[in-house]
Amino acid sequence: MKLWEGRFDKPTAADADVFNESLSFDKKLYRADVTASVAHATMLGTCGIIATDEAERICAGLQSILSDVETGTLAVEGAEDIHSFVENQLVSRIGQVGKKLHTARSRNDQVATDMRLYVRESADNAIKLLCGLTEALTNRASETIGYLMPGFTHLRKAQPVNCAQYFNAYSEMFLRDIDRFSACRKRLNVMPLGSAALAGTSYPIDREITKGLLGFDDISQNSLDAVSDRDFVAEYIFCASLAMAHLSRLCEDTILYTSDEFGYWEIPDEYSTGSSIMPQKKNPDIPELVRGKTGRVYGHLAAILTAIKGLPLAYNKDLQEDKEGFFDTETTLFSCLSIYTSIVGKIKINPRAMFEAAGGGYATATDVADYLAKKGIPFRDAHAVTGKIVRYCIEKNKALTDLSLEEFKSASEIFERDVLAAVTTRSSAEARDSVGGSSRKAARKGISSIRKRLKKY
């Protein structure tokens, strides 16, 4: 039975029913729909809009539906959408009184409320998963604080950095994602229930009751906006898109660093795959899949923004398109965060390969320029002198650490014997002791800061 069919003489065409239905995907909202409906019925009874015993029968019937769905004894099928399914089930269980549930309510504010409840819980779960990944990264930072690795710009060796500083960098990204989801949750925790179809309701409802029962922080202040607002869905998918972007960057590093050409890390066998034709292959399929799924989430963001961009007030059926993209975003984000948390904890680090690479590519050249600048030479002049030294090293096939004091002095008489220590890989990293820098002391402070901020969540 359709909730709206009284107006029509003829039933909808079979293909129209198939095209219009949403139960195949919005059945995920069953718990939110029952929860919101129980709160609504309770409020109706409390306000005397329906009899107290009727409200109690409705709530009991709704709870029985929820229990049967969750135990698998009731299949969610045979209706236009989840709202119709729940109401039809309710009427079949408790009779005509079940039809009073929809008093002072529309499917418009009903679905808006259900989605907010669902997205709120999803944001909480996203935060938990992001915290788990950040904790795994922080643990790796603690384990590798004595290791050095190359830092890159333009994918060219730039300066030696502490391995812990590297892992801390990704923790900072994911902490921003946690903050974004937290802010998104705060903004979405506003209750539209009571807005009815678009204009509010003439019944003497008390929205404060339902707000309290459902754990909302506030009540929507405009019913036209409340039933047609899907900003919170778009914002959630945006937060997910940025989290996936950061995850994809980590995937790219993982793919590069575990290659034969780099050899810094090794993905454990249980998170690798082989080739159907080349027996020697150990492929980083999971990082590649995560990197690929990032574009999928971006697509859902573009879709929801497009869906809402030209809608007149208030509700339009276009808004049904908010759900499939959201649900797929949620599934994709959660699966990627979960599996990468496992990978981060099990990646094998090759400290020797990283250290040897960190000293290559004249990565301590900046230290030579800084040395001269600290002796009073303007940095731009120091930069030019150091450039000549690097060019000399290239011509002579030498590393900076191979140069004698005499060779340094041939470029500038300012150099003294202490320059020989300044250009070593370890000295270079340890010299950068500023907040967020590559020294072990700075990396430890970074780890402490990250763990302190994680505790808020």
Protein backbone atom coordinates (compact mmCIF):
# COMPACT_ATOMS: atom_id res chain seq x y z
CA MET A 1 0.00 0.00 0.00
CA LYS A 2 1.29 3.45 -0.93
CA LEU A 3 0.86 6.21 1.62
CA TRP A 4 -0.40 8.68 -0.98
CA GLU A 5 -2.57 6.62 -3.36
CA GLY A 6 -5.97 8.00 -2.28
CA ARG A 7 -5.70 10.87 -4.78
CA PHE A 8 -5.33 8.58 -7.81
CA ASP A 9 -7.85 6.60 -9.84
CA LYS A 10 -5.24 4.38 -11.49
CA PRO A 11 -2.25 2.64 -9.99
CA THR A 12 1.22 3.73 -11.06
CA ALA A 13 2.71 1.81 -13.96
CA ALA A 14 5.00 -1.08 -13.13
CA ASP A 15 8.02 0.59 -14.70
CA ALA A 16 7.23 3.83 -12.88
CA ASP A 17 7.18 1.91 -9.59
CA VAL A 18 10.57 0.41 -10.34
CA PHE A 19 12.03 3.79 -11.32
CA ASN A 20 10.55 5.60 -8.32
CA GLU A 21 11.34 3.12 -5.56
CA SER A 22 14.12 3.73 -3.08
CA LEU A 23 13.68 0.84 -0.62
CA SER A 24 16.52 -1.07 -2.30
CA PHE A 25 18.97 1.46 -0.87
CA ASP A 26 17.18 3.56 1.76
CA LYS A 27 16.44 0.45 3.81
CA LYS A 28 19.73 1.28 5.51
CA LEU A 29 17.73 3.96 7.32
CA TYR A 30 15.46 1.45 9.08
CA ARG A 31 16.93 2.03 12.53
CA ALA A 32 16.90 5.81 12.13
CA ASP A 33 13.32 5.71 10.85
CA VAL A 34 12.08 3.64 13.79
CA THR A 35 14.03 5.78 16.28
CA ALA A 36 12.61 9.03 14.90
CA SER A 37 9.13 7.55 14.71
CA VAL A 38 9.22 6.42 18.35
CA ALA A 39 10.24 9.93 19.40
CA HIS A 40 7.49 11.45 17.26
CA ALA A 41 4.81 9.12 18.66
CA THR A 42 5.98 9.81 22.20
CA MET A 43 5.69 13.53 21.60
CA LEU A 44 2.21 13.14 20.08
CA GLY A 45 1.05 11.27 23.18
CA THR A 46 2.70 13.70 25.60
CA CYS A 47 1.08 16.68 23.87
CA GLY A 48 -2.35 15.01 23.83
CA ILE A 49 -2.51 15.00 20.04
CA ILE A 50 -3.16 11.26 20.22
CA ALA A 51 -4.12 9.24 23.29
CA THR A 52 -1.31 8.13 25.58
CA ASP A 53 -2.21 4.46 25.23
CA GLU A 54 -2.22 4.84 21.44
CA ALA A 55 1.27 6.34 21.55
CA GLU A 56 2.42 3.47 23.74
CA ARG A 57 0.97 0.87 21.33
CA ILE A 58 2.64 2.61 18.40
CA CYS A 59 6.02 2.69 20.16
CA ALA A 60 5.77 -0.97 21.12
CA GLY A 61 4.85 -1.90 17.56
CA LEU A 62 7.79 0.08 16.19
CA GLN A 63 10.20 -1.57 18.60
CA SER A 64 8.96 -4.99 17.55
CA ILE A 65 9.60 -4.11 13.90
CA LEU A 66 13.14 -2.98 14.72
CA SER A 67 13.82 -6.15 16.70
CA ASP A 68 12.54 -8.39 13.89
CA VAL A 69 14.60 -6.60 11.23
CA GLU A 70 17.78 -6.78 13.31
CA THR A 71 17.33 -10.47 14.13
CA GLY A 72 16.68 -11.26 10.47
CA THR A 73 13.13 -12.54 10.98
CA LEU A 74 11.66 -9.65 8.97
CA ALA A 75 12.88 -8.91 5.44
CA VAL A 76 12.79 -5.27 4.40
CA GLU A 77 10.95 -5.53 1.11
CA GLY A 78 7.63 -4.96 -0.63
CA ALA A 79 7.25 -1.20 -0.22
CA GLU A 80 8.08 2.04 -2.03
CA ASP A 81 10.59 3.20 0.57
CA ILE A 82 11.68 2.50 4.13
CA HIS A 83 9.11 4.92 5.55
CA SER A 84 6.24 3.14 3.80
CA PHE A 85 7.64 -0.21 4.85
CA VAL A 86 7.77 0.70 8.54
CA GLU A 87 4.31 2.27 8.55
CA ASN A 88 2.72 -0.60 6.64
CA GLN A 89 4.30 -3.09 9.03
CA LEU A 90 3.07 -1.06 11.98
CA VAL A 91 -0.53 -1.02 10.75
CA SER A 92 -0.42 -4.75 10.05
CA ARG A 93 0.71 -5.37 13.64
CA ILE A 94 -1.38 -2.98 15.73
CA GLY A 95 -4.23 -2.10 13.40
CA GLN A 96 -5.73 1.27 12.48
CA VAL A 97 -4.10 3.11 15.37
CA GLY A 98 -0.82 2.67 13.52
CA LYS A 99 -2.06 5.14 10.92
CA LYS A 100 -2.02 7.88 13.56
CA LEU A 101 1.78 7.83 13.63
CA HIS A 102 1.93 10.15 10.64
CA THR A 103 -0.08 12.87 12.38
CA ALA A 104 1.76 16.24 12.24
CA ARG A 105 4.48 14.72 10.10
CA SER A 106 5.37 14.47 6.40
CA ARG A 107 7.71 12.15 4.60
CA ASN A 108 9.67 15.31 3.83
CA ASP A 109 10.65 16.10 7.40
CA GLN A 110 10.70 12.39 8.18
CA VAL A 111 13.41 11.54 5.64
CA ALA A 112 15.36 14.70 6.47
CA THR A 113 15.40 13.62 10.12
CA ASP A 114 16.29 10.02 9.32
CA MET A 115 19.21 11.11 7.16
CA ARG A 116 20.54 13.43 9.84
CA LEU A 117 20.40 10.66 12.42
CA TYR A 118 22.17 8.27 10.08
CA VAL A 119 24.83 10.76 8.94
CA ARG A 120 25.46 11.80 12.55
CA GLU A 121 26.25 8.21 13.51
CA SER A 122 28.34 7.79 10.37
CA ALA A 123 30.38 10.88 11.24
CA ASP A 124 31.04 9.43 14.69
CA ASN A 125 32.24 6.19 13.09
CA ALA A 126 34.42 8.07 10.60
CA ILE A 127 36.07 9.92 13.48
CA LYS A 128 36.76 6.63 15.29
CA LEU A 129 38.36 5.10 12.21
CA LEU A 130 40.45 8.21 11.53
CA CYS A 131 41.59 8.20 15.15
CA GLY A 132 42.61 4.56 14.78
CA LEU A 133 44.66 5.31 11.66
CA THR A 134 46.27 8.34 13.29
CA GLU A 135 47.16 6.28 16.33
CA ALA A 136 48.76 3.63 14.10
CA LEU A 137 50.81 6.33 12.35
CA THR A 138 51.87 7.80 15.69
CA ASN A 139 52.97 4.38 16.90
CA ARG A 140 55.11 3.99 13.79
CA ALA A 141 56.56 7.44 14.42
CA SER A 142 57.57 6.40 17.93
CA GLU A 143 59.18 3.22 16.60
CA THR A 144 61.16 4.98 13.86
CA ILE A 145 62.29 8.14 15.64
CA GLY A 146 65.93 7.09 15.31
CA TYR A 147 65.69 6.55 11.54
CA LEU A 148 66.49 9.06 8.80
CA MET A 149 65.04 9.14 5.31
CA PRO A 150 65.11 11.50 2.34
CA GLY A 151 62.61 14.33 2.29
CA PHE A 152 61.39 15.17 -1.19
CA THR A 153 60.15 18.20 -3.08
CA HIS A 154 59.14 17.77 -6.72
CA LEU A 155 59.89 14.06 -6.07
CA ARG A 156 63.57 14.99 -5.93
CA LYS A 157 65.70 14.53 -2.82
CA ALA A 158 65.63 17.76 -0.85
CA GLN A 159 66.86 17.31 2.73
CA PRO A 160 67.25 14.49 5.25
CA VAL A 161 64.26 14.15 7.56
CA ASN A 162 63.40 12.06 10.58
CA CYS A 163 61.21 9.08 9.72
CA ALA A 164 59.02 9.98 12.70
CA GLN A 165 58.53 13.44 11.23
CA TYR A 166 57.31 11.77 8.03
CA PHE A 167 54.66 9.72 9.85
CA ASN A 168 53.71 12.76 11.93
CA ALA A 169 53.01 14.67 8.72
CA TYR A 170 50.26 12.22 7.78
CA SER A 171 48.93 12.27 11.33
CA GLU A 172 48.51 16.04 10.98
CA MET A 173 46.51 15.53 7.79
CA PHE A 174 44.20 13.00 9.39
CA LEU A 175 43.80 15.15 12.51
CA ARG A 176 42.45 17.88 10.23
CA ASP A 177 40.05 15.32 8.79
CA ILE A 178 38.92 14.42 12.30
CA ASP A 179 38.33 18.10 13.06
CA ARG A 180 36.34 18.50 9.84
CA PHE A 181 34.08 15.53 10.56
CA SER A 182 33.60 16.81 14.11
CA ALA A 183 32.58 20.24 12.84
CA CYS A 184 30.32 18.65 10.21
CA ARG A 185 28.63 16.60 12.94
CA LYS A 186 28.00 19.71 15.00
CA ARG A 187 26.39 21.53 12.08
CA LEU A 188 24.19 18.61 11.05
CA ASN A 189 22.89 17.94 14.56
CA VAL A 190 19.85 20.18 14.03
CA MET A 191 16.40 18.60 14.01
CA PRO A 192 14.05 19.14 11.04
CA LEU A 193 11.24 16.99 12.49
CA GLY A 194 8.15 19.15 12.98
CA SER A 195 8.62 21.02 9.71
CA ALA A 196 6.08 18.69 8.08
CA ALA A 197 5.88 18.97 4.28
CA LEU A 198 7.30 22.49 4.05
CA ALA A 199 5.15 24.98 6.01
CA GLY A 200 5.20 23.54 9.51
CA THR A 201 2.12 22.06 11.18
CA SER A 202 -1.11 23.33 12.75
CA TYR A 203 -0.99 20.66 15.48
CA PRO A 204 0.19 21.79 18.95
CA ILE A 205 3.44 19.82 18.81
CA ASP A 206 6.40 20.32 21.13
CA ARG A 207 9.60 20.05 19.12
CA GLU A 208 11.71 20.33 22.26
CA ILE A 209 10.45 16.89 23.31
CA THR A 210 11.54 15.18 20.10
CA LYS A 211 14.79 17.14 20.06
CA GLY A 212 15.67 15.80 23.50
CA LEU A 213 14.63 12.24 22.72
CA LEU A 214 16.72 12.18 19.54
CA GLY A 215 19.77 13.91 20.95
CA PHE A 216 19.75 16.92 18.65
CA ASP A 217 21.49 20.10 19.77
CA ASP A 218 19.04 22.46 18.14
CA ILE A 219 15.80 22.75 16.18
CA SER A 220 15.62 23.95 12.59
CA GLN A 221 14.43 27.55 12.40
CA ASN A 222 12.83 27.51 8.94
CA SER A 223 10.65 24.67 7.72
CA LEU A 224 11.19 25.46 4.02
CA ASP A 225 14.92 25.14 4.47
CA ALA A 226 14.72 22.19 6.86
CA VAL A 227 12.98 19.79 4.47
CA SER A 228 15.13 20.70 1.47
CA ASP A 229 18.55 21.02 3.12
CA ARG A 230 21.12 18.42 2.15
CA ASP A 231 24.17 20.56 2.87
CA PHE A 232 25.13 18.11 5.58
CA VAL A 233 25.29 15.24 3.07
CA ALA A 234 27.46 17.29 0.73
CA GLU A 235 29.66 18.37 3.62
CA TYR A 236 30.11 14.80 4.85
CA ILE A 237 31.13 13.66 1.37
CA PHE A 238 33.51 16.63 1.12
CA CYS A 239 35.10 15.61 4.44
CA ALA A 240 35.35 12.06 3.14
CA SER A 241 36.88 13.30 -0.13
CA LEU A 242 39.67 15.13 1.69
CA ALA A 243 40.30 12.14 3.95
CA MET A 244 40.53 9.94 0.85
CA ALA A 245 42.89 12.48 -0.75
CA HIS A 246 45.22 12.21 2.23
CA LEU A 247 44.92 8.43 2.23
CA SER A 248 45.68 8.40 -1.49
CA ARG A 249 48.85 10.42 -0.93
CA LEU A 250 49.96 7.86 1.65
CA CYS A 251 49.16 5.12 -0.85
CA GLU A 252 51.30 6.81 -3.48
CA ASP A 253 54.22 7.02 -1.05
CA THR A 254 53.71 3.38 -0.10
CA ILE A 255 53.75 2.29 -3.74
CA LEU A 256 56.93 4.28 -4.41
CA TYR A 257 58.78 3.43 -1.21
CA THR A 258 58.11 -0.32 -1.53
CA SER A 259 59.32 -0.44 -5.13
CA ASP A 260 62.70 -1.97 -6.01
CA GLU A 261 63.91 1.47 -7.04
CA PHE A 262 63.37 2.86 -3.53
CA GLY A 263 63.35 -0.15 -1.21
CA TYR A 264 62.61 1.88 1.92
CA TRP A 265 59.64 -0.22 3.01
CA GLU A 266 58.13 -3.62 2.32
CA ILE A 267 54.42 -4.40 2.28
CA PRO A 268 53.77 -7.64 4.18
CA ASP A 269 52.81 -10.65 2.10
CA GLU A 270 49.30 -10.75 3.54
CA TYR A 271 48.57 -7.34 2.02
CA SER A 272 50.17 -8.00 -1.36
CA THR A 273 49.23 -9.90 -4.50
CA GLY A 274 51.15 -11.62 -7.27
CA SER A 275 51.01 -11.81 -11.03
CA SER A 276 49.22 -14.45 -13.07
CA ILE A 277 52.19 -14.63 -15.46
CA MET A 278 55.26 -13.19 -13.70
CA PRO A 279 56.22 -15.35 -10.71
CA GLN A 280 58.55 -12.76 -9.17
CA LYS A 281 55.95 -10.03 -8.76
CA LYS A 282 54.75 -8.66 -5.42
CA ASN A 283 52.19 -6.05 -6.31
CA PRO A 284 50.85 -3.23 -4.09
CA ASP A 285 47.26 -3.85 -5.18
CA ILE A 286 45.61 -2.62 -1.98
CA PRO A 287 47.30 0.81 -2.01
CA GLU A 288 46.49 1.05 -5.71
CA LEU A 289 42.84 0.19 -5.06
CA VAL A 290 42.56 2.77 -2.29
CA ARG A 291 44.15 5.35 -4.57
CA GLY A 292 41.65 4.43 -7.29
CA LYS A 293 38.63 4.53 -4.97
CA THR A 294 39.48 8.14 -4.12
CA GLY A 295 38.13 9.21 -7.51
CA ARG A 296 34.93 7.31 -6.80
CA VAL A 297 34.30 9.40 -3.68
CA TYR A 298 35.11 12.60 -5.59
CA GLY A 299 32.44 11.58 -8.09
CA HIS A 300 29.83 11.35 -5.36
CA LEU A 301 30.75 14.85 -4.18
CA ALA A 302 30.28 16.22 -7.68
CA ALA A 303 26.95 14.37 -7.94
CA ILE A 304 25.41 15.75 -4.74
CA LEU A 305 26.58 19.29 -5.48
CA THR A 306 25.03 19.01 -8.93
CA ALA A 307 21.79 17.57 -7.54
CA ILE A 308 21.22 20.48 -5.14
CA LYS A 309 22.52 23.36 -7.23
CA GLY A 310 19.30 24.32 -9.02
CA LEU A 311 16.49 23.16 -6.76
CA PRO A 312 13.64 25.56 -6.06
CA LEU A 313 12.27 25.65 -2.51
CA ALA A 314 11.23 23.44 -0.94
CA TYR A 315 11.40 19.63 -1.27
CA ASN A 316 11.98 18.04 -4.69
CA LYS A 317 12.34 14.37 -5.57
CA ASP A 318 15.88 15.08 -6.81
CA LEU A 319 16.87 14.86 -3.16
CA GLN A 320 16.34 11.10 -3.28
CA GLU A 321 19.67 11.11 -5.12
CA ASP A 322 21.48 12.02 -1.91
CA LYS A 323 21.42 8.47 -0.58
CA GLU A 324 23.13 6.05 -2.94
CA GLY A 325 26.18 8.28 -3.31
CA PHE A 326 26.32 8.87 0.43
CA PHE A 327 26.04 5.19 1.32
CA ASP A 328 28.73 4.25 -1.18
CA THR A 329 30.97 7.06 0.12
CA GLU A 330 30.55 5.77 3.66
CA THR A 331 31.31 2.16 2.68
CA THR A 332 34.32 3.17 0.60
CA LEU A 333 35.78 5.49 3.23
CA PHE A 334 35.34 3.03 6.08
CA SER A 335 36.82 0.07 4.20
CA CYS A 336 39.83 2.10 3.03
CA LEU A 337 40.55 3.53 6.48
CA SER A 338 40.22 0.11 8.12
CA ILE A 339 42.52 -1.76 5.77
CA TYR A 340 45.13 0.98 5.70
CA THR A 341 45.27 1.07 9.48
CA SER A 342 46.23 -2.61 9.30
CA ILE A 343 48.83 -1.98 6.59
CA VAL A 344 50.47 0.92 8.43
CA GLY A 345 50.95 -1.24 11.48
CA LYS A 346 52.63 -4.05 9.53
CA ILE A 347 54.80 -2.30 6.94
CA LYS A 348 58.44 -3.38 7.30
CA ILE A 349 60.93 -0.52 7.45
CA ASN A 350 64.41 -0.75 5.91
CA PRO A 351 66.38 1.86 7.90
CA ARG A 352 69.67 1.23 6.09
CA ALA A 353 68.18 1.86 2.66
CA MET A 354 66.49 5.03 3.89
CA PHE A 355 69.65 6.32 5.56
CA GLU A 356 71.82 5.69 2.52
CA ALA A 357 69.28 7.42 0.32
CA ALA A 358 68.96 10.35 2.71
CA GLY A 359 72.61 11.23 2.19
CA GLY A 360 72.42 11.22 -1.59
CA GLY A 361 71.47 13.94 -4.04
CA TYR A 362 73.49 16.59 -2.17
CA ALA A 363 70.65 16.71 0.37
CA THR A 364 72.78 18.61 2.89
CA ALA A 365 73.59 21.47 0.51
CA THR A 366 71.21 23.76 2.39
CA ASP A 367 73.28 23.13 5.49
CA VAL A 368 76.33 24.48 3.66
CA ALA A 369 74.43 27.63 2.71
CA ASP A 370 73.09 27.96 6.27
CA TYR A 371 76.63 27.55 7.60
CA LEU A 372 77.83 30.51 5.55
CA ALA A 373 74.78 32.60 6.42
CA LYS A 374 75.40 32.02 10.12
CA LYS A 375 78.93 33.34 9.55
CA GLY A 376 77.49 36.61 8.28
CA ILE A 377 77.28 36.09 4.52
CA PRO A 378 73.89 37.13 3.06
CA PHE A 379 71.88 33.99 2.37
CA ARG A 380 71.54 34.70 -1.35
CA ASP A 381 75.32 34.93 -1.66
CA ALA A 382 75.72 31.82 0.47
CA HIS A 383 73.25 30.06 -1.82
CA ALA A 384 75.34 30.97 -4.87
CA VAL A 385 78.59 29.77 -3.27
CA THR A 386 76.97 26.48 -2.30
CA GLY A 387 75.63 26.03 -5.82
CA LYS A 388 79.18 26.25 -7.14
CA ILE A 389 80.31 23.67 -4.58
CA VAL A 390 77.55 21.28 -5.71
CA ARG A 391 78.54 21.80 -9.34
CA TYR A 392 82.15 21.01 -8.39
CA CYS A 393 81.01 17.81 -6.65
CA ILE A 394 79.05 16.74 -9.71
CA GLU A 395 82.07 17.32 -11.96
CA LYS A 396 84.36 15.38 -9.61
CA ASN A 397 81.77 12.69 -8.82
CA LYS A 398 82.00 13.44 -5.12
CA ALA A 399 79.51 13.74 -2.28
CA LEU A 400 79.60 16.78 0.00
CA THR A 401 80.90 14.56 2.79
CA ASP A 402 83.84 13.57 0.54
CA LEU A 403 85.15 17.13 0.34
CA SER A 404 88.19 18.22 2.29
CA LEU A 405 88.40 21.48 4.18
CA GLU A 406 90.72 22.78 1.46
CA GLU A 407 88.12 22.09 -1.20
CA PHE A 408 85.51 24.00 0.82
CA LYS A 409 87.93 26.86 1.31
CA SER A 410 88.55 27.07 -2.41
CA ALA A 411 84.94 28.25 -2.65
CA SER A 412 85.08 30.56 0.39
CA GLU A 413 87.67 31.33 3.05
CA ILE A 414 84.82 31.55 5.57
CA PHE A 415 84.71 27.77 5.87
CA GLU A 416 86.34 26.20 8.92
CA ARG A 417 86.80 22.60 10.01
CA ASP A 418 83.36 22.41 11.65
CA VAL A 419 81.74 22.45 8.19
CA LEU A 420 82.79 18.83 7.76
CA ALA A 421 80.45 17.81 10.59
CA ALA A 422 77.66 20.12 9.46
CA VAL A 423 77.20 18.32 6.13
CA THR A 424 76.61 14.83 7.55
CA THR A 425 73.13 13.37 7.20
CA ARG A 426 72.52 13.06 10.93
CA SER A 427 73.78 16.56 11.71
CA SER A 428 71.56 18.02 9.02
CA ALA A 429 68.41 16.45 10.44
CA GLU A 430 69.28 17.15 14.07
CA ALA A 431 70.06 20.78 13.33
CA ARG A 432 66.42 21.43 12.45
CA ASP A 433 65.11 21.69 15.98
CA SER A 434 62.33 24.19 15.37
CA VAL A 435 58.73 23.19 16.16
CA GLY A 436 57.69 20.61 13.60
CA GLY A 437 61.27 20.12 12.43
CA SER A 438 63.24 16.99 11.62
CA SER A 439 65.30 16.59 14.80
CA ARG A 440 64.49 13.77 17.17
CA LYS A 441 63.57 16.29 19.86
CA ALA A 442 61.12 18.06 17.53
CA ALA A 443 59.66 14.74 16.35
CA ARG A 444 59.07 13.65 19.96
CA LYS A 445 57.25 16.89 20.64
CA GLY A 446 55.20 16.29 17.51
CA ILE A 447 54.21 12.83 18.69
CA SER A 448 53.24 14.20 22.10
CA SER A 449 51.16 16.95 20.50
CA ILE A 450 49.36 14.52 18.20
CA ARG A 451 48.51 12.15 21.06
CA LYS A 452 47.26 15.02 23.18
CA ARG A 453 44.92 16.20 20.42
CA LEU A 454 43.72 12.65 19.76
CA LYS A 455 42.54 12.39 23.35
CA LYS A 456 39.83 14.99 22.64
CA TYR A 457 38.07 12.45 20.45
